[in-house]
């Protein structure tokens, strides 16, 4: 079996939306990427199957590899563009898309693909999309943003100036 084809990825910005649950989730993350790849397997008309792994631009904030990450997701992959060198017969199919976090806390999408052609060359593009419900720690307050209620703890004079 030939190796998976090399690919290039173009990522849309990762969108993080705060949500109020269900527990333990506090963030809905939307990941969208466009992947282009060229032919690397023989153009002999046979069907070649392989899993393509795609690292996305989404990495979990506050990831600790010692802790299992709770998450739920919906992930899809679709082929939306192909350019062929001639009027060849071809097959480009995505049988399944799965996703999970890798050892660094980055979102990896695996697409089970089936590819075949009896022509010379082609280039194809796929779109992958994930909606990930997860937990990310809320941002810490910067040290200079102590808030009026905390100023009095450091100095009564600072508390009076804030009024």
N, C-alpha and C. Protein backbone atom coordinates (compact mmCIF):
# COMPACT_ATOMS: atom_id res chain seq x y z
N UNK A 1 0.84 -1.16 0.00
CA UNK A 1 0.00 0.00 0.00
C UNK A 1 0.89 1.24 0.00
N UNK A 2 0.63 2.21 -0.85
CA UNK A 2 1.45 3.41 -0.87
C UNK A 2 1.18 4.27 0.36
N UNK A 3 2.13 5.14 0.70
CA UNK A 3 1.91 6.02 1.84
C UNK A 3 0.83 7.04 1.52
N UNK A 4 0.29 7.65 2.58
CA UNK A 4 -0.71 8.71 2.40
C UNK A 4 -0.07 9.86 1.61
N UNK A 5 -0.85 10.54 0.78
CA UNK A 5 -0.28 11.61 -0.02
C UNK A 5 0.12 12.80 0.84
N UNK A 6 1.15 13.54 0.42
CA UNK A 6 1.50 14.75 1.16
C UNK A 6 0.37 15.75 0.99
N UNK A 7 0.24 16.63 1.96
CA UNK A 7 -0.85 17.59 1.88
C UNK A 7 -0.42 18.93 2.44
N UNK A 8 -1.16 19.94 2.05
CA UNK A 8 -1.01 21.27 2.60
C UNK A 8 -2.34 21.62 3.24
N UNK A 9 -2.29 22.42 4.31
CA UNK A 9 -3.50 22.76 5.02
C UNK A 9 -3.63 24.27 5.14
N UNK A 10 -4.86 24.75 4.99
CA UNK A 10 -5.16 26.15 5.22
C UNK A 10 -6.25 26.18 6.28
N UNK A 11 -5.94 26.79 7.41
CA UNK A 11 -6.87 26.79 8.53
C UNK A 11 -7.60 28.12 8.62
N UNK A 12 -8.91 28.04 8.83
CA UNK A 12 -9.65 29.21 9.24
C UNK A 12 -9.32 29.43 10.71
N UNK A 13 -9.55 30.63 11.23
CA UNK A 13 -9.28 30.83 12.66
C UNK A 13 -10.12 29.87 13.50
N UNK A 14 -9.52 29.39 14.57
CA UNK A 14 -10.24 28.55 15.52
C UNK A 14 -11.20 29.46 16.28
N UNK A 15 -12.46 29.06 16.36
CA UNK A 15 -13.47 29.86 17.07
C UNK A 15 -13.77 29.18 18.38
N UNK A 16 -13.65 29.93 19.48
CA UNK A 16 -13.98 29.42 20.81
C UNK A 16 -15.19 30.19 21.33
N UNK A 17 -16.23 29.45 21.70
CA UNK A 17 -17.45 30.06 22.20
C UNK A 17 -17.67 29.58 23.63
N UNK A 18 -17.73 30.51 24.60
CA UNK A 18 -18.03 30.08 25.98
C UNK A 18 -19.45 29.51 26.05
N UNK A 19 -19.60 28.39 26.76
CA UNK A 19 -20.91 27.77 26.96
C UNK A 19 -21.09 27.47 28.44
N UNK A 20 -22.33 27.32 28.86
CA UNK A 20 -22.64 27.09 30.27
C UNK A 20 -22.93 25.62 30.53
N UNK A 21 -22.26 24.73 29.85
CA UNK A 21 -22.44 23.31 30.13
C UNK A 21 -22.97 22.58 28.93
N UNK A 22 -23.29 21.33 29.09
CA UNK A 22 -23.39 20.58 30.34
C UNK A 22 -22.02 20.35 30.96
N UNK A 23 -22.02 20.11 32.28
CA UNK A 23 -20.77 19.91 32.98
C UNK A 23 -20.05 18.70 32.42
N UNK A 24 -18.75 18.68 32.29
CA UNK A 24 -17.77 19.67 32.73
C UNK A 24 -17.42 20.69 31.64
N UNK A 25 -18.18 20.76 30.57
CA UNK A 25 -17.80 21.56 29.41
C UNK A 25 -18.09 23.05 29.63
N UNK A 26 -17.16 23.88 29.14
CA UNK A 26 -17.35 25.32 29.20
C UNK A 26 -17.01 26.02 27.88
N UNK A 27 -16.60 25.26 26.87
CA UNK A 27 -16.18 25.85 25.60
C UNK A 27 -16.65 24.99 24.43
N UNK A 28 -17.18 25.66 23.41
CA UNK A 28 -17.48 25.01 22.14
C UNK A 28 -16.46 25.55 21.14
N UNK A 29 -15.68 24.66 20.56
CA UNK A 29 -14.62 25.06 19.62
C UNK A 29 -15.03 24.62 18.22
N UNK A 30 -14.90 25.55 17.27
CA UNK A 30 -15.20 25.25 15.87
C UNK A 30 -13.89 25.27 15.11
N UNK A 31 -13.57 24.14 14.48
CA UNK A 31 -12.32 23.97 13.75
C UNK A 31 -12.67 23.70 12.29
N UNK A 32 -12.12 24.51 11.37
CA UNK A 32 -12.36 24.29 9.94
C UNK A 32 -11.03 24.42 9.21
N UNK A 33 -10.73 23.44 8.37
CA UNK A 33 -9.49 23.47 7.60
C UNK A 33 -9.74 22.95 6.19
N UNK A 34 -9.00 23.50 5.26
CA UNK A 34 -9.02 23.03 3.88
C UNK A 34 -7.70 22.33 3.62
N UNK A 35 -7.77 21.13 3.07
CA UNK A 35 -6.57 20.34 2.83
C UNK A 35 -6.47 20.06 1.34
N UNK A 36 -5.31 20.35 0.77
CA UNK A 36 -5.09 20.00 -0.64
C UNK A 36 -4.00 18.94 -0.71
N UNK A 37 -4.13 18.04 -1.65
CA UNK A 37 -3.13 16.98 -1.80
C UNK A 37 -3.06 16.55 -3.25
N UNK A 38 -1.92 16.00 -3.60
CA UNK A 38 -1.70 15.52 -4.96
C UNK A 38 -1.58 14.01 -4.98
N UNK A 39 -1.55 13.48 -6.16
CA UNK A 39 -1.50 12.03 -6.33
C UNK A 39 -0.11 11.50 -6.01
N UNK A 40 -0.08 10.46 -5.20
CA UNK A 40 1.19 9.83 -4.86
C UNK A 40 1.13 8.32 -5.07
N UNK A 41 -0.05 7.77 -5.29
CA UNK A 41 -0.20 6.35 -5.47
C UNK A 41 -0.24 6.02 -6.96
N UNK A 42 -0.07 4.79 -7.34
CA UNK A 42 -0.06 4.44 -8.77
C UNK A 42 -1.39 4.77 -9.44
N UNK A 43 -1.32 5.21 -10.68
CA UNK A 43 -2.54 5.48 -11.45
C UNK A 43 -2.85 4.26 -12.31
N UNK A 44 -3.14 3.15 -11.63
CA UNK A 44 -3.36 1.88 -12.32
C UNK A 44 -4.81 1.41 -12.26
N UNK A 45 -5.71 2.26 -11.77
CA UNK A 45 -7.11 1.90 -11.69
C UNK A 45 -7.49 1.12 -10.44
N UNK A 46 -6.52 0.68 -9.64
CA UNK A 46 -6.81 -0.04 -8.41
C UNK A 46 -7.19 0.95 -7.31
N UNK A 47 -7.99 0.47 -6.36
CA UNK A 47 -8.39 1.32 -5.23
C UNK A 47 -7.38 1.16 -4.11
N UNK A 48 -6.89 2.28 -3.62
CA UNK A 48 -5.93 2.30 -2.52
C UNK A 48 -6.62 2.94 -1.32
N UNK A 49 -6.54 2.27 -0.17
CA UNK A 49 -7.17 2.76 1.05
C UNK A 49 -6.09 3.10 2.07
N UNK A 50 -6.28 4.19 2.76
CA UNK A 50 -5.35 4.58 3.81
C UNK A 50 -6.00 5.61 4.71
N UNK A 51 -5.52 5.68 5.98
CA UNK A 51 -5.99 6.74 6.86
C UNK A 51 -5.08 7.97 6.68
N UNK A 52 -5.68 9.10 6.43
CA UNK A 52 -4.92 10.35 6.36
C UNK A 52 -5.07 11.08 7.68
N UNK A 53 -3.95 11.43 8.32
CA UNK A 53 -3.99 12.15 9.59
C UNK A 53 -3.66 13.61 9.34
N UNK A 54 -4.51 14.49 9.88
CA UNK A 54 -4.35 15.92 9.66
C UNK A 54 -4.32 16.63 11.01
N UNK A 55 -3.21 17.30 11.29
CA UNK A 55 -3.12 18.10 12.50
C UNK A 55 -3.78 19.44 12.23
N UNK A 56 -4.66 19.84 13.11
CA UNK A 56 -5.35 21.11 12.94
C UNK A 56 -4.66 22.20 13.75
N UNK A 57 -5.16 23.40 13.65
CA UNK A 57 -4.58 24.53 14.38
C UNK A 57 -5.16 24.67 15.79
N UNK A 58 -6.04 23.76 16.20
CA UNK A 58 -6.65 23.82 17.53
C UNK A 58 -5.82 23.01 18.51
N UNK A 59 -5.28 23.70 19.52
CA UNK A 59 -4.61 23.05 20.64
C UNK A 59 -5.31 23.48 21.92
N UNK A 60 -5.56 22.54 22.78
CA UNK A 60 -6.31 22.77 24.00
C UNK A 60 -5.51 23.65 24.96
N UNK A 61 -6.14 24.70 25.47
CA UNK A 61 -5.51 25.57 26.47
C UNK A 61 -5.44 24.82 27.79
N UNK A 62 -4.30 24.88 28.46
CA UNK A 62 -4.16 24.24 29.77
C UNK A 62 -4.07 22.73 29.71
N UNK A 63 -3.63 22.18 28.59
CA UNK A 63 -3.57 20.72 28.44
C UNK A 63 -2.51 20.13 29.35
N UNK A 64 -2.88 19.04 30.03
CA UNK A 64 -1.96 18.29 30.88
C UNK A 64 -2.04 16.83 30.43
N UNK A 65 -0.96 16.25 29.87
CA UNK A 65 -1.02 14.88 29.35
C UNK A 65 -1.32 13.82 30.41
N UNK A 66 -1.22 14.17 31.68
CA UNK A 66 -1.49 13.20 32.75
C UNK A 66 -2.99 13.06 33.04
N UNK A 67 -3.80 13.95 32.46
CA UNK A 67 -5.23 13.98 32.76
C UNK A 67 -6.03 13.66 31.50
N UNK A 68 -6.96 12.73 31.60
CA UNK A 68 -7.85 12.46 30.46
C UNK A 68 -8.71 13.68 30.19
N UNK A 69 -8.80 14.05 28.93
CA UNK A 69 -9.55 15.24 28.54
C UNK A 69 -10.98 14.83 28.19
N UNK A 70 -11.98 15.36 28.92
CA UNK A 70 -13.35 15.06 28.52
C UNK A 70 -13.72 15.93 27.31
N UNK A 71 -14.32 15.32 26.31
CA UNK A 71 -14.77 16.08 25.15
C UNK A 71 -15.82 15.29 24.39
N UNK A 72 -16.62 16.01 23.63
CA UNK A 72 -17.56 15.44 22.68
C UNK A 72 -17.35 16.19 21.39
N UNK A 73 -17.53 15.51 20.25
CA UNK A 73 -17.28 16.20 18.99
C UNK A 73 -18.15 15.66 17.88
N UNK A 74 -18.26 16.47 16.86
CA UNK A 74 -18.85 16.05 15.59
C UNK A 74 -17.85 16.48 14.52
N UNK A 75 -17.36 15.52 13.74
CA UNK A 75 -16.31 15.79 12.75
C UNK A 75 -16.72 15.25 11.39
N UNK A 76 -16.49 16.04 10.36
CA UNK A 76 -16.81 15.62 8.99
C UNK A 76 -15.64 15.93 8.07
N UNK A 77 -15.60 15.21 6.96
CA UNK A 77 -14.64 15.48 5.89
C UNK A 77 -15.39 15.32 4.57
N UNK A 78 -15.22 16.29 3.68
CA UNK A 78 -15.87 16.22 2.37
C UNK A 78 -14.86 16.63 1.30
N UNK A 79 -14.96 15.98 0.15
CA UNK A 79 -14.16 16.38 -1.00
C UNK A 79 -14.98 17.41 -1.76
N UNK A 80 -14.39 18.57 -2.01
CA UNK A 80 -15.18 19.57 -2.71
C UNK A 80 -14.53 20.10 -3.97
N UNK A 81 -13.36 19.62 -4.32
CA UNK A 81 -12.72 20.11 -5.54
C UNK A 81 -11.69 19.10 -5.99
N UNK A 82 -11.64 18.85 -7.30
CA UNK A 82 -10.61 17.98 -7.87
C UNK A 82 -10.28 18.49 -9.27
N UNK A 83 -9.02 18.42 -9.62
CA UNK A 83 -8.57 18.80 -10.96
C UNK A 83 -7.78 17.64 -11.52
N UNK A 84 -8.22 17.14 -12.69
CA UNK A 84 -7.58 15.99 -13.30
C UNK A 84 -6.86 16.40 -14.57
N UNK A 85 -5.80 15.67 -14.90
CA UNK A 85 -4.97 16.02 -16.06
C UNK A 85 -5.67 15.70 -17.37
N UNK A 86 -6.63 14.77 -17.37
CA UNK A 86 -7.35 14.43 -18.59
C UNK A 86 -8.75 13.93 -18.20
N UNK A 87 -9.44 13.29 -19.12
CA UNK A 87 -10.79 12.82 -18.84
C UNK A 87 -10.78 11.41 -18.24
N UNK A 88 -9.91 11.20 -17.30
CA UNK A 88 -9.71 9.91 -16.66
C UNK A 88 -10.88 9.52 -15.75
N UNK A 89 -10.98 8.25 -15.47
CA UNK A 89 -11.89 7.77 -14.43
C UNK A 89 -11.16 7.87 -13.10
N UNK A 90 -11.92 8.21 -12.06
CA UNK A 90 -11.28 8.35 -10.75
C UNK A 90 -12.28 8.04 -9.65
N UNK A 91 -11.74 7.80 -8.46
CA UNK A 91 -12.53 7.60 -7.26
C UNK A 91 -11.83 8.34 -6.13
N UNK A 92 -12.55 9.20 -5.45
CA UNK A 92 -12.06 9.85 -4.23
C UNK A 92 -13.20 9.71 -3.23
N UNK A 93 -12.97 8.94 -2.16
CA UNK A 93 -14.02 8.71 -1.18
C UNK A 93 -13.45 8.84 0.23
N UNK A 94 -14.22 9.45 1.09
CA UNK A 94 -13.88 9.53 2.51
C UNK A 94 -14.90 8.68 3.24
N UNK A 95 -14.45 7.54 3.75
CA UNK A 95 -15.34 6.57 4.37
C UNK A 95 -15.69 6.91 5.81
N UNK A 96 -14.77 7.53 6.53
CA UNK A 96 -15.02 7.85 7.94
C UNK A 96 -14.07 8.96 8.36
N UNK A 97 -14.54 9.78 9.30
CA UNK A 97 -13.70 10.83 9.90
C UNK A 97 -13.81 10.69 11.41
N UNK A 98 -12.65 10.60 12.07
CA UNK A 98 -12.59 10.55 13.52
C UNK A 98 -11.61 11.61 13.98
N UNK A 99 -11.66 11.95 15.25
CA UNK A 99 -10.75 12.98 15.76
C UNK A 99 -10.50 12.76 17.25
N UNK A 100 -9.36 13.25 17.71
CA UNK A 100 -9.00 13.18 19.12
C UNK A 100 -7.81 14.11 19.36
N UNK A 101 -7.47 14.26 20.63
CA UNK A 101 -6.31 15.07 21.00
C UNK A 101 -5.05 14.20 20.96
N UNK A 102 -3.95 14.76 20.49
CA UNK A 102 -2.69 14.03 20.49
C UNK A 102 -1.98 14.22 21.82
N UNK A 103 -0.74 13.76 21.93
CA UNK A 103 0.03 13.82 23.17
C UNK A 103 0.36 15.24 23.59
N UNK A 104 0.20 16.21 22.68
CA UNK A 104 0.46 17.62 23.01
C UNK A 104 -0.82 18.41 23.26
N UNK A 105 -1.97 17.74 23.13
CA UNK A 105 -3.24 18.43 23.32
C UNK A 105 -3.75 19.11 22.07
N UNK A 106 -3.21 18.75 20.90
CA UNK A 106 -3.66 19.33 19.63
C UNK A 106 -4.67 18.39 18.97
N UNK A 107 -5.61 18.97 18.27
CA UNK A 107 -6.71 18.23 17.65
C UNK A 107 -6.25 17.61 16.34
N UNK A 108 -6.36 16.30 16.24
CA UNK A 108 -5.96 15.54 15.07
C UNK A 108 -7.20 14.90 14.45
N UNK A 109 -7.38 15.09 13.14
CA UNK A 109 -8.49 14.47 12.43
C UNK A 109 -7.91 13.36 11.55
N UNK A 110 -8.50 12.18 11.64
CA UNK A 110 -8.10 11.05 10.81
C UNK A 110 -9.24 10.74 9.85
N UNK A 111 -8.91 10.71 8.56
CA UNK A 111 -9.91 10.47 7.52
C UNK A 111 -9.54 9.18 6.80
N UNK A 112 -10.43 8.19 6.85
CA UNK A 112 -10.22 6.94 6.10
C UNK A 112 -10.61 7.20 4.66
N UNK A 113 -9.65 7.08 3.75
CA UNK A 113 -9.84 7.46 2.35
C UNK A 113 -9.71 6.25 1.44
N UNK A 114 -10.39 6.35 0.30
CA UNK A 114 -10.24 5.37 -0.78
C UNK A 114 -10.01 6.18 -2.05
N UNK A 115 -8.92 5.89 -2.77
CA UNK A 115 -8.54 6.68 -3.93
C UNK A 115 -8.13 5.77 -5.08
N UNK A 116 -8.50 6.17 -6.28
CA UNK A 116 -8.10 5.42 -7.47
C UNK A 116 -8.20 6.35 -8.67
N UNK A 117 -7.36 6.09 -9.67
CA UNK A 117 -7.48 6.79 -10.96
C UNK A 117 -6.77 5.96 -12.01
N UNK A 118 -7.17 6.16 -13.26
CA UNK A 118 -6.45 5.49 -14.34
C UNK A 118 -5.77 6.53 -15.24
N UNK A 119 -5.64 7.74 -14.72
CA UNK A 119 -4.99 8.81 -15.47
C UNK A 119 -3.64 9.14 -14.90
N UNK A 120 -3.08 10.23 -15.37
CA UNK A 120 -1.72 10.59 -14.98
C UNK A 120 -1.66 11.30 -13.63
N UNK A 121 -2.23 12.47 -13.54
CA UNK A 121 -2.07 13.29 -12.33
C UNK A 121 -3.40 13.90 -11.93
N UNK A 122 -3.53 14.17 -10.65
CA UNK A 122 -4.63 15.01 -10.20
C UNK A 122 -4.30 15.63 -8.86
N UNK A 123 -5.03 16.68 -8.57
CA UNK A 123 -4.95 17.38 -7.30
C UNK A 123 -6.36 17.47 -6.77
N UNK A 124 -6.52 17.29 -5.47
CA UNK A 124 -7.85 17.35 -4.86
C UNK A 124 -7.78 18.19 -3.59
N UNK A 125 -8.94 18.69 -3.21
CA UNK A 125 -9.05 19.45 -1.96
C UNK A 125 -10.19 18.87 -1.14
N UNK A 126 -9.98 18.83 0.14
CA UNK A 126 -11.00 18.37 1.09
C UNK A 126 -11.19 19.43 2.16
N UNK A 127 -12.37 19.44 2.73
CA UNK A 127 -12.65 20.32 3.86
C UNK A 127 -12.94 19.44 5.07
N UNK A 128 -12.28 19.74 6.18
CA UNK A 128 -12.60 19.05 7.41
C UNK A 128 -13.18 20.07 8.38
N UNK A 129 -14.09 19.61 9.20
CA UNK A 129 -14.76 20.49 10.15
C UNK A 129 -15.04 19.70 11.42
N UNK A 130 -14.77 20.33 12.56
CA UNK A 130 -15.07 19.72 13.85
C UNK A 130 -15.74 20.75 14.75
N UNK A 131 -16.75 20.30 15.45
CA UNK A 131 -17.35 21.06 16.54
C UNK A 131 -16.98 20.28 17.80
N UNK A 132 -16.21 20.90 18.69
CA UNK A 132 -15.67 20.19 19.85
C UNK A 132 -16.18 20.86 21.13
N UNK A 133 -16.88 20.09 21.95
CA UNK A 133 -17.33 20.56 23.25
C UNK A 133 -16.29 20.08 24.25
N UNK A 134 -15.66 21.02 24.96
CA UNK A 134 -14.54 20.66 25.83
C UNK A 134 -14.47 21.61 27.03
N UNK A 135 -13.48 21.38 27.88
CA UNK A 135 -13.21 22.26 29.00
C UNK A 135 -11.85 22.91 28.78
N UNK A 136 -11.82 24.23 28.90
CA UNK A 136 -10.56 24.98 28.92
C UNK A 136 -10.62 25.90 30.12
N UNK A 137 -9.50 26.01 30.87
CA UNK A 137 -9.54 26.88 32.03
C UNK A 137 -9.82 28.32 31.62
N UNK A 138 -10.62 29.05 32.41
CA UNK A 138 -10.86 30.44 32.06
C UNK A 138 -9.58 31.25 32.14
N UNK A 139 -9.48 32.34 31.37
CA UNK A 139 -8.26 33.14 31.42
C UNK A 139 -8.06 33.74 32.81
N UNK A 140 -6.81 33.79 33.22
CA UNK A 140 -6.47 34.40 34.50
C UNK A 140 -6.56 35.92 34.37
N UNK A 141 -6.87 36.57 35.49
CA UNK A 141 -6.86 38.02 35.47
C UNK A 141 -5.41 38.48 35.45
N UNK A 142 -5.09 39.47 34.64
CA UNK A 142 -3.72 39.98 34.65
C UNK A 142 -3.41 40.62 36.00
N UNK A 143 -2.14 40.62 36.41
CA UNK A 143 -1.78 41.12 37.74
C UNK A 143 -2.17 42.59 37.94
N UNK A 144 -2.22 43.38 36.88
CA UNK A 144 -2.57 44.78 37.04
C UNK A 144 -4.07 44.99 37.15
N UNK A 145 -4.87 43.97 36.90
CA UNK A 145 -6.32 44.08 36.97
C UNK A 145 -6.79 43.42 38.26
N UNK A 146 -6.49 44.08 39.40
CA UNK A 146 -6.82 43.49 40.69
C UNK A 146 -8.24 43.81 41.12
N UNK A 147 -8.86 44.78 40.49
CA UNK A 147 -10.24 45.12 40.84
C UNK A 147 -10.32 45.93 42.11
N UNK A 148 -11.32 46.76 42.23
CA UNK A 148 -11.48 47.65 43.38
C UNK A 148 -11.59 46.90 44.69
N UNK A 149 -12.27 45.73 44.66
CA UNK A 149 -12.50 45.00 45.91
C UNK A 149 -11.20 44.49 46.51
N UNK A 150 -10.15 44.35 45.75
CA UNK A 150 -8.89 43.81 46.27
C UNK A 150 -7.87 44.88 46.59
N UNK A 151 -8.11 46.11 46.17
CA UNK A 151 -7.12 47.16 46.41
C UNK A 151 -6.89 47.40 47.89
N UNK A 152 -7.96 47.33 48.68
CA UNK A 152 -7.83 47.60 50.10
C UNK A 152 -6.94 46.60 50.81
N UNK A 153 -6.79 45.41 50.29
CA UNK A 153 -5.93 44.41 50.91
C UNK A 153 -4.46 44.81 50.85
N UNK A 154 -4.08 45.54 49.80
CA UNK A 154 -2.68 45.91 49.63
C UNK A 154 -2.36 47.24 50.31
N UNK A 155 -3.27 48.17 50.22
CA UNK A 155 -3.01 49.48 50.81
C UNK A 155 -4.33 50.25 50.92
N UNK A 156 -4.66 50.74 52.10
CA UNK A 156 -5.86 51.56 52.24
C UNK A 156 -5.81 52.81 51.36
N UNK A 157 -4.57 53.31 51.11
CA UNK A 157 -4.43 54.48 50.25
C UNK A 157 -4.84 54.17 48.81
N UNK A 158 -4.46 53.00 48.30
CA UNK A 158 -4.87 52.61 46.95
C UNK A 158 -6.37 52.48 46.86
N UNK A 159 -6.99 51.93 47.87
CA UNK A 159 -8.45 51.78 47.86
C UNK A 159 -9.13 53.15 47.81
N UNK A 160 -8.60 54.11 48.55
CA UNK A 160 -9.19 55.46 48.52
C UNK A 160 -8.99 56.11 47.16
N UNK A 161 -7.85 55.94 46.53
CA UNK A 161 -7.61 56.52 45.19
C UNK A 161 -8.55 55.94 44.16
N UNK A 162 -8.94 54.69 44.32
CA UNK A 162 -9.82 54.05 43.35
C UNK A 162 -11.23 54.59 43.42
N UNK A 163 -11.61 55.19 44.56
CA UNK A 163 -12.98 55.71 44.72
C UNK A 163 -13.20 56.98 43.97
